Amino acid sequence: MKQRSSKKMKAYIGLDTSCYTASAAAVLEDGRIAADFREALPVPDGTIGLRQSEAVFVHLRTMPALLEAVFQQIRQHEAAAVCASIKPRPVEGSYMPVFIVGKSMARSVAASLGVPYFETTHQEGHIAAGLLGQVEMPEEFLALHVSGGTTEVLQVRQKEAGYDISLLGGTKDISAGQLVDRIGVLIGCRFPAGGEME
């Protein structure tokens, strides 16, 4: 009879505190998603968004429960590192206060666990999510990043850790996501309106 190995599998925890969603997840060393929790930030009916200060406050209230849920899911594994998206895009001057919540919590969790802390960006997270399940990707490819505040065509080169991203083009005024949200609110959908519009 074979004895089962008692070695714990490593789990990598990630946090993202974007404008309208609080997210906490964990991926195992073999690439499987071990935990994936997110909560949409509540936006009052009839409004078209939250002030950053309001969103920061909601993230501060929301993230502890999401982290607790992640740790419940990975309790049989070994936490090996913690990563947070710290700004919208990997360019100088890219900043939004909401990302400070995820960064602060991720650094605190990493320090308390005695594991490394890493930083990424929200845009790089979108690109990585688009690559999930791909067996092999070329070292260089084009990406279309369409989200709430961004509509951009990007040239992406994979690096050992992360991506080298060049902006090829994008909207200069309103993004596709904002357009969907504004039309949705006008016809009676709740903000953000993407889900109902779909």
N, C-alpha and C. Protein backbone atom coordinates (compact mmCIF):
# COMPACT_ATOMS: atom_id res chain seq x y z
N MET A 1 0.84 -1.18 0.00
CA MET A 1 0.00 0.00 0.00
C MET A 1 0.89 1.25 0.00
N LYS A 2 0.63 2.18 -0.94
CA LYS A 2 1.43 3.40 -1.02
C LYS A 2 0.98 4.39 0.05
N GLN A 3 1.97 5.03 0.65
CA GLN A 3 1.64 6.07 1.62
C GLN A 3 1.52 7.40 0.88
N ARG A 4 0.49 8.14 1.23
CA ARG A 4 0.29 9.45 0.62
C ARG A 4 1.28 10.44 1.20
N SER A 5 1.87 11.28 0.36
CA SER A 5 2.85 12.26 0.82
C SER A 5 2.16 13.29 1.71
N SER A 6 2.83 13.66 2.80
CA SER A 6 2.26 14.64 3.72
C SER A 6 2.70 16.06 3.36
N LYS A 7 3.46 16.19 2.28
CA LYS A 7 3.93 17.51 1.87
C LYS A 7 2.76 18.38 1.41
N LYS A 8 2.69 19.58 1.96
CA LYS A 8 1.62 20.50 1.60
C LYS A 8 1.94 21.17 0.27
N MET A 9 0.91 21.40 -0.52
CA MET A 9 1.09 22.13 -1.77
C MET A 9 1.13 23.62 -1.48
N LYS A 10 1.96 24.35 -2.21
CA LYS A 10 2.09 25.79 -2.00
C LYS A 10 0.92 26.53 -2.64
N ALA A 11 0.47 27.57 -1.95
CA ALA A 11 -0.62 28.41 -2.43
C ALA A 11 -0.14 29.86 -2.50
N TYR A 12 -0.50 30.54 -3.58
CA TYR A 12 -0.11 31.92 -3.80
C TYR A 12 -1.38 32.78 -3.76
N ILE A 13 -1.38 33.76 -2.86
CA ILE A 13 -2.57 34.57 -2.61
C ILE A 13 -2.47 35.89 -3.38
N GLY A 14 -3.60 36.30 -3.98
CA GLY A 14 -3.63 37.56 -4.71
C GLY A 14 -4.80 38.42 -4.30
N LEU A 15 -4.57 39.74 -4.19
CA LEU A 15 -5.62 40.69 -3.83
C LEU A 15 -5.72 41.77 -4.90
N ASP A 16 -6.97 42.19 -5.17
CA ASP A 16 -7.20 43.29 -6.10
C ASP A 16 -8.36 44.12 -5.55
N THR A 17 -8.11 45.41 -5.38
CA THR A 17 -9.15 46.32 -4.87
C THR A 17 -9.36 47.41 -5.90
N SER A 18 -10.09 47.08 -6.96
CA SER A 18 -10.32 48.03 -8.04
C SER A 18 -11.51 48.93 -7.69
N CYS A 19 -11.92 49.74 -8.64
CA CYS A 19 -12.97 50.73 -8.36
C CYS A 19 -14.28 50.14 -7.90
N TYR A 20 -14.68 48.98 -8.45
CA TYR A 20 -16.01 48.47 -8.14
C TYR A 20 -16.05 47.02 -7.70
N THR A 21 -14.88 46.39 -7.51
CA THR A 21 -14.87 45.00 -7.05
C THR A 21 -13.71 44.76 -6.10
N ALA A 22 -14.01 44.10 -4.98
CA ALA A 22 -12.97 43.64 -4.06
C ALA A 22 -12.75 42.16 -4.36
N SER A 23 -11.49 41.76 -4.56
CA SER A 23 -11.20 40.38 -4.96
C SER A 23 -10.05 39.81 -4.14
N ALA A 24 -10.20 38.55 -3.76
CA ALA A 24 -9.13 37.81 -3.09
C ALA A 24 -9.17 36.39 -3.63
N ALA A 25 -8.00 35.85 -3.97
CA ALA A 25 -7.94 34.52 -4.57
C ALA A 25 -6.65 33.84 -4.18
N ALA A 26 -6.58 32.56 -4.49
CA ALA A 26 -5.35 31.80 -4.27
C ALA A 26 -5.22 30.77 -5.38
N VAL A 27 -3.99 30.62 -5.87
CA VAL A 27 -3.67 29.66 -6.92
C VAL A 27 -2.63 28.69 -6.36
N LEU A 28 -2.81 27.41 -6.63
CA LEU A 28 -1.85 26.41 -6.17
C LEU A 28 -0.66 26.34 -7.11
N GLU A 29 0.42 25.75 -6.64
CA GLU A 29 1.65 25.69 -7.43
C GLU A 29 1.48 24.91 -8.73
N ASP A 30 0.45 24.06 -8.81
CA ASP A 30 0.22 23.32 -10.05
C ASP A 30 -0.70 24.08 -11.01
N GLY A 31 -1.07 25.33 -10.64
CA GLY A 31 -1.87 26.17 -11.52
C GLY A 31 -3.36 26.14 -11.26
N ARG A 32 -3.82 25.24 -10.38
CA ARG A 32 -5.26 25.18 -10.08
C ARG A 32 -5.67 26.35 -9.20
N ILE A 33 -6.87 26.87 -9.43
CA ILE A 33 -7.42 27.94 -8.59
C ILE A 33 -8.00 27.29 -7.34
N ALA A 34 -7.45 27.65 -6.19
CA ALA A 34 -7.89 27.05 -4.93
C ALA A 34 -8.98 27.88 -4.26
N ALA A 35 -9.00 29.17 -4.53
CA ALA A 35 -10.00 30.06 -3.93
C ALA A 35 -10.18 31.25 -4.85
N ASP A 36 -11.41 31.71 -4.96
CA ASP A 36 -11.71 32.87 -5.81
C ASP A 36 -12.95 33.56 -5.26
N PHE A 37 -12.73 34.63 -4.52
CA PHE A 37 -13.84 35.35 -3.89
C PHE A 37 -13.80 36.80 -4.32
N ARG A 38 -14.97 37.33 -4.64
CA ARG A 38 -15.06 38.73 -5.03
C ARG A 38 -16.40 39.28 -4.60
N GLU A 39 -16.42 40.58 -4.38
CA GLU A 39 -17.66 41.23 -4.01
C GLU A 39 -17.73 42.58 -4.70
N ALA A 40 -18.83 42.80 -5.38
CA ALA A 40 -19.05 44.10 -6.03
C ALA A 40 -19.32 45.14 -4.96
N LEU A 41 -18.71 46.30 -5.12
CA LEU A 41 -18.96 47.39 -4.19
C LEU A 41 -20.35 47.96 -4.46
N PRO A 42 -21.15 48.18 -3.41
CA PRO A 42 -22.50 48.67 -3.63
C PRO A 42 -22.51 50.13 -4.10
N VAL A 43 -23.25 50.38 -5.15
CA VAL A 43 -23.40 51.73 -5.69
C VAL A 43 -24.87 52.12 -5.52
N PRO A 44 -25.15 53.26 -4.87
CA PRO A 44 -26.55 53.64 -4.66
C PRO A 44 -27.33 53.74 -5.97
N ASP A 45 -28.59 53.32 -5.94
CA ASP A 45 -29.45 53.39 -7.13
C ASP A 45 -29.48 54.80 -7.69
N GLY A 46 -29.46 54.89 -9.01
CA GLY A 46 -29.56 56.17 -9.69
C GLY A 46 -28.27 56.94 -9.80
N THR A 47 -27.19 56.41 -9.22
CA THR A 47 -25.89 57.08 -9.33
C THR A 47 -25.03 56.36 -10.35
N ILE A 48 -23.97 57.03 -10.78
CA ILE A 48 -23.09 56.43 -11.79
C ILE A 48 -21.67 56.27 -11.27
N GLY A 49 -21.55 55.79 -10.04
CA GLY A 49 -20.23 55.52 -9.53
C GLY A 49 -20.07 55.85 -8.06
N LEU A 50 -18.86 55.62 -7.58
CA LEU A 50 -18.47 55.94 -6.21
C LEU A 50 -17.29 56.89 -6.23
N ARG A 51 -17.24 57.76 -5.24
CA ARG A 51 -16.01 58.55 -5.05
C ARG A 51 -14.94 57.59 -4.55
N GLN A 52 -13.69 57.89 -4.85
CA GLN A 52 -12.59 57.03 -4.40
C GLN A 52 -12.61 56.87 -2.89
N SER A 53 -12.90 57.94 -2.15
CA SER A 53 -12.90 57.85 -0.68
C SER A 53 -13.98 56.87 -0.21
N GLU A 54 -15.15 56.87 -0.85
CA GLU A 54 -16.21 55.91 -0.50
C GLU A 54 -15.77 54.49 -0.83
N ALA A 55 -15.16 54.31 -1.99
CA ALA A 55 -14.72 52.97 -2.41
C ALA A 55 -13.64 52.44 -1.48
N VAL A 56 -12.72 53.29 -1.05
CA VAL A 56 -11.67 52.87 -0.10
C VAL A 56 -12.33 52.36 1.18
N PHE A 57 -13.29 53.12 1.69
CA PHE A 57 -13.99 52.73 2.93
C PHE A 57 -14.68 51.37 2.76
N VAL A 58 -15.35 51.15 1.63
CA VAL A 58 -16.05 49.87 1.41
C VAL A 58 -15.04 48.73 1.28
N HIS A 59 -13.92 48.96 0.59
CA HIS A 59 -12.88 47.93 0.51
C HIS A 59 -12.36 47.56 1.90
N LEU A 60 -12.14 48.55 2.74
CA LEU A 60 -11.64 48.29 4.09
C LEU A 60 -12.62 47.43 4.89
N ARG A 61 -13.91 47.60 4.65
CA ARG A 61 -14.92 46.78 5.33
C ARG A 61 -15.05 45.40 4.71
N THR A 62 -14.81 45.28 3.41
CA THR A 62 -15.08 44.05 2.66
C THR A 62 -13.93 43.05 2.66
N MET A 63 -12.70 43.54 2.53
CA MET A 63 -11.57 42.64 2.31
C MET A 63 -11.30 41.64 3.44
N PRO A 64 -11.47 42.00 4.73
CA PRO A 64 -11.20 40.98 5.77
C PRO A 64 -12.01 39.70 5.60
N ALA A 65 -13.30 39.83 5.27
CA ALA A 65 -14.13 38.63 5.10
C ALA A 65 -13.68 37.82 3.88
N LEU A 66 -13.27 38.51 2.80
CA LEU A 66 -12.78 37.79 1.62
C LEU A 66 -11.49 37.05 1.94
N LEU A 67 -10.60 37.68 2.69
CA LEU A 67 -9.35 37.02 3.09
C LEU A 67 -9.64 35.81 3.99
N GLU A 68 -10.57 35.96 4.91
CA GLU A 68 -10.94 34.83 5.77
C GLU A 68 -11.44 33.66 4.92
N ALA A 69 -12.23 33.96 3.91
CA ALA A 69 -12.76 32.90 3.03
C ALA A 69 -11.63 32.21 2.26
N VAL A 70 -10.66 32.99 1.79
CA VAL A 70 -9.51 32.41 1.08
C VAL A 70 -8.75 31.48 2.01
N PHE A 71 -8.47 31.93 3.23
CA PHE A 71 -7.69 31.10 4.15
C PHE A 71 -8.46 29.84 4.55
N GLN A 72 -9.77 29.90 4.61
CA GLN A 72 -10.56 28.69 4.86
C GLN A 72 -10.36 27.68 3.73
N GLN A 73 -10.33 28.18 2.49
CA GLN A 73 -10.19 27.30 1.31
C GLN A 73 -8.80 26.68 1.21
N ILE A 74 -7.78 27.38 1.71
CA ILE A 74 -6.40 26.88 1.51
C ILE A 74 -5.78 26.38 2.80
N ARG A 75 -6.57 26.11 3.82
CA ARG A 75 -5.99 25.75 5.11
C ARG A 75 -5.16 24.47 5.06
N GLN A 76 -5.42 23.58 4.09
CA GLN A 76 -4.63 22.35 3.99
C GLN A 76 -3.35 22.56 3.16
N HIS A 77 -3.17 23.79 2.64
CA HIS A 77 -2.00 24.11 1.83
C HIS A 77 -1.08 25.06 2.58
N GLU A 78 0.07 25.33 2.01
CA GLU A 78 1.05 26.22 2.61
C GLU A 78 1.09 27.54 1.84
N ALA A 79 0.76 28.64 2.49
CA ALA A 79 0.83 29.96 1.84
C ALA A 79 2.30 30.27 1.54
N ALA A 80 2.60 30.55 0.26
CA ALA A 80 3.99 30.73 -0.16
C ALA A 80 4.33 32.17 -0.52
N ALA A 81 3.34 32.98 -0.91
CA ALA A 81 3.58 34.37 -1.28
C ALA A 81 2.24 35.09 -1.38
N VAL A 82 2.30 36.41 -1.30
CA VAL A 82 1.11 37.24 -1.43
C VAL A 82 1.41 38.33 -2.45
N CYS A 83 0.44 38.59 -3.33
CA CYS A 83 0.61 39.59 -4.38
C CYS A 83 -0.60 40.51 -4.39
N ALA A 84 -0.37 41.78 -4.74
CA ALA A 84 -1.49 42.72 -4.85
C ALA A 84 -1.32 43.57 -6.10
N SER A 85 -2.45 43.92 -6.71
CA SER A 85 -2.40 44.92 -7.77
C SER A 85 -2.38 46.27 -7.06
N ILE A 86 -1.39 47.10 -7.40
CA ILE A 86 -1.16 48.33 -6.64
C ILE A 86 -1.53 49.60 -7.39
N LYS A 87 -1.87 49.45 -8.68
CA LYS A 87 -2.28 50.62 -9.46
C LYS A 87 -2.97 50.12 -10.74
N PRO A 88 -3.65 51.01 -11.46
CA PRO A 88 -4.37 50.57 -12.65
C PRO A 88 -3.49 49.98 -13.75
N ARG A 89 -2.42 50.70 -14.12
CA ARG A 89 -1.58 50.28 -15.25
C ARG A 89 -0.11 50.36 -14.88
N PRO A 90 0.75 49.61 -15.55
CA PRO A 90 2.18 49.63 -15.22
C PRO A 90 2.92 50.79 -15.89
N VAL A 91 2.44 52.00 -15.63
CA VAL A 91 3.10 53.20 -16.16
C VAL A 91 3.24 54.22 -15.04
N GLU A 92 4.23 55.08 -15.18
CA GLU A 92 4.44 56.12 -14.19
C GLU A 92 3.23 57.05 -14.13
N GLY A 93 2.84 57.40 -12.93
CA GLY A 93 1.71 58.30 -12.76
C GLY A 93 0.37 57.62 -12.67
N SER A 94 0.33 56.29 -12.89
CA SER A 94 -0.92 55.55 -12.78
C SER A 94 -1.21 55.37 -11.29
N TYR A 95 -2.34 55.90 -10.85
CA TYR A 95 -2.63 55.88 -9.41
C TYR A 95 -4.13 55.99 -9.17
N MET A 96 -4.63 55.22 -8.23
CA MET A 96 -5.99 55.38 -7.71
C MET A 96 -5.95 54.94 -6.24
N PRO A 97 -6.54 55.72 -5.34
CA PRO A 97 -6.48 55.39 -3.91
C PRO A 97 -7.01 54.00 -3.56
N VAL A 98 -7.98 53.47 -4.31
CA VAL A 98 -8.56 52.17 -3.94
C VAL A 98 -7.50 51.06 -3.88
N PHE A 99 -6.46 51.17 -4.68
CA PHE A 99 -5.46 50.11 -4.72
C PHE A 99 -4.58 50.07 -3.46
N ILE A 100 -4.57 51.16 -2.70
CA ILE A 100 -3.78 51.20 -1.46
C ILE A 100 -4.32 50.19 -0.47
N VAL A 101 -5.63 49.94 -0.48
CA VAL A 101 -6.23 48.99 0.46
C VAL A 101 -5.66 47.59 0.22
N GLY A 102 -5.70 47.11 -1.02
CA GLY A 102 -5.16 45.79 -1.32
C GLY A 102 -3.68 45.69 -1.05
N LYS A 103 -2.94 46.74 -1.41
CA LYS A 103 -1.49 46.75 -1.17
C LYS A 103 -1.20 46.66 0.32
N SER A 104 -1.87 47.45 1.13
CA SER A 104 -1.62 47.45 2.57
C SER A 104 -1.96 46.10 3.19
N MET A 105 -3.11 45.56 2.80
CA MET A 105 -3.50 44.27 3.38
C MET A 105 -2.58 43.15 2.92
N ALA A 106 -2.20 43.16 1.65
CA ALA A 106 -1.30 42.11 1.15
C ALA A 106 0.06 42.16 1.83
N ARG A 107 0.59 43.35 2.01
CA ARG A 107 1.89 43.48 2.70
C ARG A 107 1.79 42.99 4.13
N SER A 108 0.68 43.32 4.81
CA SER A 108 0.49 42.89 6.19
C SER A 108 0.36 41.38 6.30
N VAL A 109 -0.42 40.78 5.39
CA VAL A 109 -0.59 39.32 5.40
C VAL A 109 0.75 38.63 5.13
N ALA A 110 1.49 39.13 4.12
CA ALA A 110 2.79 38.53 3.80
C ALA A 110 3.75 38.62 4.98
N ALA A 111 3.78 39.78 5.63
CA ALA A 111 4.67 39.95 6.78
C ALA A 111 4.27 39.03 7.93
N SER A 112 2.98 38.89 8.18
CA SER A 112 2.54 38.03 9.28
C SER A 112 2.81 36.56 9.00
N LEU A 113 2.76 36.17 7.72
CA LEU A 113 3.04 34.78 7.36
C LEU A 113 4.53 34.50 7.15
N GLY A 114 5.31 35.58 7.03
CA GLY A 114 6.75 35.41 6.76
C GLY A 114 7.03 34.92 5.36
N VAL A 115 6.21 35.38 4.39
CA VAL A 115 6.38 34.97 2.99
C VAL A 115 6.63 36.20 2.13
N PRO A 116 7.15 36.03 0.92
CA PRO A 116 7.41 37.19 0.05
C PRO A 116 6.13 37.91 -0.36
N TYR A 117 6.29 39.20 -0.62
CA TYR A 117 5.21 40.06 -1.11
C TYR A 117 5.59 40.55 -2.50
N PHE A 118 4.65 40.49 -3.44
CA PHE A 118 4.90 40.93 -4.81
C PHE A 118 3.83 41.94 -5.22
N GLU A 119 4.19 42.77 -6.19
CA GLU A 119 3.25 43.77 -6.70
C GLU A 119 3.03 43.59 -8.20
N THR A 120 1.81 43.87 -8.62
CA THR A 120 1.46 43.86 -10.03
C THR A 120 0.49 45.01 -10.26
N THR A 121 -0.15 45.05 -11.43
CA THR A 121 -1.13 46.08 -11.71
C THR A 121 -2.45 45.44 -12.14
N HIS A 122 -3.49 46.23 -12.09
CA HIS A 122 -4.82 45.74 -12.49
C HIS A 122 -4.81 45.31 -13.96
N GLN A 123 -4.16 46.09 -14.81
CA GLN A 123 -4.10 45.76 -16.23
C GLN A 123 -3.37 44.44 -16.48
N GLU A 124 -2.27 44.23 -15.78
CA GLU A 124 -1.54 42.97 -15.92
C GLU A 124 -2.39 41.79 -15.45
N GLY A 125 -3.25 42.04 -14.45
CA GLY A 125 -4.16 41.01 -14.00
C GLY A 125 -5.18 40.64 -15.07
N HIS A 126 -5.69 41.66 -15.79
CA HIS A 126 -6.60 41.39 -16.90
C HIS A 126 -5.92 40.54 -17.96
N ILE A 127 -4.68 40.88 -18.28
CA ILE A 127 -3.94 40.12 -19.31
C ILE A 127 -3.72 38.68 -18.84
N ALA A 128 -3.29 38.52 -17.60
CA ALA A 128 -3.05 37.17 -17.07
C ALA A 128 -4.33 36.35 -17.05
N ALA A 129 -5.46 36.98 -16.70
CA ALA A 129 -6.74 36.26 -16.70
C ALA A 129 -7.09 35.78 -18.09
N GLY A 130 -6.78 36.58 -19.11
CA GLY A 130 -7.05 36.19 -20.49
C GLY A 130 -6.19 35.02 -20.95
N LEU A 131 -5.08 34.81 -20.28
CA LEU A 131 -4.17 33.72 -20.65
C LEU A 131 -4.47 32.42 -19.91
N LEU A 132 -5.36 32.47 -18.90
CA LEU A 132 -5.68 31.25 -18.15
C LEU A 132 -6.18 30.16 -19.09
N GLY A 133 -5.65 28.99 -18.93
CA GLY A 133 -6.09 27.86 -19.75
C GLY A 133 -5.36 27.72 -21.07
N GLN A 134 -4.54 28.72 -21.42
CA GLN A 134 -3.77 28.63 -22.66
C GLN A 134 -2.57 27.71 -22.43
N VAL A 135 -2.39 26.76 -23.31
CA VAL A 135 -1.28 25.83 -23.17
C VAL A 135 0.04 26.56 -23.41
N GLU A 136 0.08 27.33 -24.45
CA GLU A 136 1.32 28.04 -24.77
C GLU A 136 0.98 29.34 -25.49
N MET A 137 1.64 30.41 -25.09
CA MET A 137 1.44 31.70 -25.73
C MET A 137 2.76 32.15 -26.32
N PRO A 138 2.72 32.87 -27.43
CA PRO A 138 3.97 33.41 -27.98
C PRO A 138 4.58 34.42 -27.01
N GLU A 139 5.86 34.66 -27.16
CA GLU A 139 6.52 35.62 -26.29
C GLU A 139 5.96 37.02 -26.48
N GLU A 140 5.42 37.30 -27.66
CA GLU A 140 4.88 38.62 -27.94
C GLU A 140 3.50 38.47 -28.59
N PHE A 141 2.53 39.28 -28.15
CA PHE A 141 1.18 39.21 -28.69
C PHE A 141 0.47 40.54 -28.49
N LEU A 142 -0.68 40.69 -29.15
CA LEU A 142 -1.52 41.87 -28.98
C LEU A 142 -2.64 41.54 -28.01
N ALA A 143 -2.99 42.52 -27.19
CA ALA A 143 -4.09 42.35 -26.24
C ALA A 143 -5.04 43.53 -26.37
N LEU A 144 -6.33 43.24 -26.30
CA LEU A 144 -7.35 44.28 -26.26
C LEU A 144 -7.86 44.32 -24.83
N HIS A 145 -7.59 45.43 -24.14
CA HIS A 145 -8.00 45.58 -22.74
C HIS A 145 -9.23 46.47 -22.70
N VAL A 146 -10.38 45.84 -22.46
CA VAL A 146 -11.64 46.56 -22.38
C VAL A 146 -12.21 46.30 -20.99
N SER A 147 -12.22 47.33 -20.16
CA SER A 147 -12.81 47.21 -18.82
C SER A 147 -13.53 48.51 -18.51
N GLY A 148 -13.93 48.67 -17.26
CA GLY A 148 -14.73 49.83 -16.89
C GLY A 148 -14.15 51.17 -17.31
N GLY A 149 -12.86 51.36 -17.09
CA GLY A 149 -12.26 52.65 -17.40
C GLY A 149 -11.21 52.61 -18.49
N THR A 150 -11.08 51.49 -19.18
CA THR A 150 -9.99 51.33 -20.15
C THR A 150 -10.49 50.68 -21.43
N THR A 151 -10.09 51.25 -22.55
CA THR A 151 -10.25 50.59 -23.85
C THR A 151 -8.94 50.84 -24.59
N GLU A 152 -8.08 49.83 -24.62
CA GLU A 152 -6.73 50.00 -25.19
C GLU A 152 -6.31 48.77 -25.98
N VAL A 153 -5.52 49.02 -27.01
CA VAL A 153 -4.85 47.95 -27.74
C VAL A 153 -3.39 47.97 -27.29
N LEU A 154 -2.90 46.82 -26.85
CA LEU A 154 -1.58 46.73 -26.24
C LEU A 154 -0.70 45.73 -26.97
N GLN A 155 0.57 46.05 -27.05
CA GLN A 155 1.57 45.07 -27.50
C GLN A 155 2.22 44.54 -26.22
N VAL A 156 2.15 43.23 -26.04
CA VAL A 156 2.61 42.61 -24.80
C VAL A 156 3.76 41.66 -25.10
N ARG A 157 4.83 41.82 -24.35
CA ARG A 157 5.96 40.88 -24.41
C ARG A 157 6.07 40.22 -23.05
N GLN A 158 6.08 38.91 -23.04
CA GLN A 158 6.22 38.21 -21.76
C GLN A 158 7.66 38.28 -21.28
N LYS A 159 7.80 38.57 -19.99
CA LYS A 159 9.10 38.58 -19.34
C LYS A 159 9.13 37.44 -18.34
N GLU A 160 10.28 37.22 -17.74
CA GLU A 160 10.39 36.15 -16.74
C GLU A 160 9.38 36.37 -15.61
N ALA A 161 9.24 37.63 -15.19
CA ALA A 161 8.25 37.97 -14.16
C ALA A 161 7.40 39.12 -14.68
N GLY A 162 6.23 38.81 -15.20
CA GLY A 162 5.33 39.86 -15.66
C GLY A 162 5.40 40.11 -17.15
N TYR A 163 5.05 41.34 -17.53
CA TYR A 163 4.94 41.69 -18.94
C TYR A 163 5.60 43.04 -19.20
N ASP A 164 6.05 43.21 -20.43
CA ASP A 164 6.48 44.51 -20.94
C ASP A 164 5.35 44.96 -21.87
N ILE A 165 4.65 46.03 -21.51
CA ILE A 165 3.44 46.44 -22.21
C ILE A 165 3.65 47.79 -22.89
N SER A 166 3.32 47.85 -24.18
CA SER A 166 3.36 49.10 -24.93
C SER A 166 1.95 49.43 -25.42
N LEU A 167 1.56 50.68 -25.24
CA LEU A 167 0.25 51.13 -25.69
C LEU A 167 0.31 51.44 -27.18
N LEU A 168 -0.53 50.76 -27.97
CA LEU A 168 -0.60 51.01 -29.40
C LEU A 168 -1.72 51.99 -29.74
N GLY A 169 -2.77 52.00 -28.93
CA GLY A 169 -3.89 52.90 -29.17
C GLY A 169 -4.98 52.68 -28.15
N GLY A 170 -5.89 53.65 -28.09
CA GLY A 170 -7.00 53.53 -27.16
C GLY A 170 -7.87 54.76 -27.22
N THR A 171 -8.94 54.75 -26.45
CA THR A 171 -9.85 55.89 -26.45
C THR A 171 -9.20 57.07 -25.74
N LYS A 172 -9.57 58.27 -26.17
CA LYS A 172 -9.06 59.47 -25.52
C LYS A 172 -10.12 60.13 -24.66
N ASP A 173 -11.38 59.70 -24.81
CA ASP A 173 -12.43 60.31 -24.00
C ASP A 173 -13.10 59.26 -23.12
N ILE A 174 -14.17 58.66 -23.57
CA ILE A 174 -14.92 57.69 -22.76
C ILE A 174 -14.56 56.27 -23.20
N SER A 175 -14.38 55.39 -22.23
CA SER A 175 -14.05 54.00 -22.56
C SER A 175 -15.32 53.24 -22.89
N ALA A 176 -15.14 52.06 -23.48
CA ALA A 176 -16.29 51.21 -23.83
C ALA A 176 -17.08 50.84 -22.58
N GLY A 177 -16.39 50.54 -21.50
CA GLY A 177 -17.07 50.19 -20.26
C GLY A 177 -17.91 51.33 -19.71
N GLN A 178 -17.35 52.54 -19.76
CA GLN A 178 -18.10 53.71 -19.28
C GLN A 178 -19.33 53.96 -20.15
N LEU A 179 -19.19 53.75 -21.45
CA LEU A 179 -20.32 53.93 -22.37
C LEU A 179 -21.45 52.95 -22.03
N VAL A 180 -21.09 51.69 -21.81
CA VAL A 180 -22.09 50.68 -21.44
C VAL A 180 -22.78 51.08 -20.13
N ASP A 181 -21.98 51.52 -19.15
CA ASP A 181 -22.55 51.91 -17.87
C ASP A 181 -23.50 53.09 -18.00
N ARG A 182 -23.12 54.09 -18.76
CA ARG A 182 -23.97 55.29 -18.88
C ARG A 182 -25.27 54.99 -19.62
N ILE A 183 -25.17 54.20 -20.68
CA ILE A 183 -26.39 53.81 -21.40
C ILE A 183 -27.27 52.95 -20.48
N GLY A 184 -26.64 52.02 -19.76
CA GLY A 184 -27.39 51.15 -18.85
C GLY A 184 -28.16 51.93 -17.80
N VAL A 185 -27.51 52.91 -17.19
CA VAL A 185 -28.18 53.72 -16.17
C VAL A 185 -29.33 54.51 -16.79
N LEU A 186 -29.12 55.03 -18.00
CA LEU A 186 -30.19 55.78 -18.67
C LEU A 186 -31.43 54.93 -18.94
N ILE A 187 -31.25 53.63 -19.16
CA ILE A 187 -32.42 52.77 -19.44
C ILE A 187 -32.89 52.02 -18.20
N GLY A 188 -32.35 52.41 -17.03
CA GLY A 188 -32.86 51.86 -15.77
C GLY A 188 -32.08 50.74 -15.14
N CYS A 189 -30.89 50.40 -15.66
CA CYS A 189 -30.07 49.35 -15.05
C CYS A 189 -29.30 49.93 -13.86
N ARG A 190 -28.89 49.04 -12.96
CA ARG A 190 -28.06 49.45 -11.83
C ARG A 190 -26.62 49.62 -12.29
N PHE A 191 -25.89 50.52 -11.65
CA PHE A 191 -24.48 50.75 -11.96
C PHE A 191 -23.63 49.84 -11.06
N PRO A 192 -22.57 49.24 -11.58
CA PRO A 192 -22.16 49.16 -12.99
C PRO A 192 -23.13 48.27 -13.76
N ALA A 193 -23.40 48.66 -15.00
CA ALA A 193 -24.52 48.08 -15.77
C ALA A 193 -24.13 46.94 -16.69
N GLY A 194 -22.85 46.57 -16.75
CA GLY A 194 -22.40 45.55 -17.69
C GLY A 194 -23.16 44.25 -17.60
N GLY A 195 -23.36 43.73 -16.39
CA GLY A 195 -24.04 42.45 -16.21
C GLY A 195 -25.48 42.48 -16.71
N GLU A 196 -26.22 43.53 -16.34
CA GLU A 196 -27.61 43.64 -16.79
C GLU A 196 -27.70 43.90 -18.28
N MET A 197 -26.80 44.71 -18.81
CA MET A 197 -26.81 45.01 -20.25
C MET A 197 -26.51 43.74 -21.05
N GLU A 198 -25.63 42.91 -20.54
CA GLU A 198 -25.30 41.67 -21.24
C GLU A 198 -26.52 40.78 -21.34
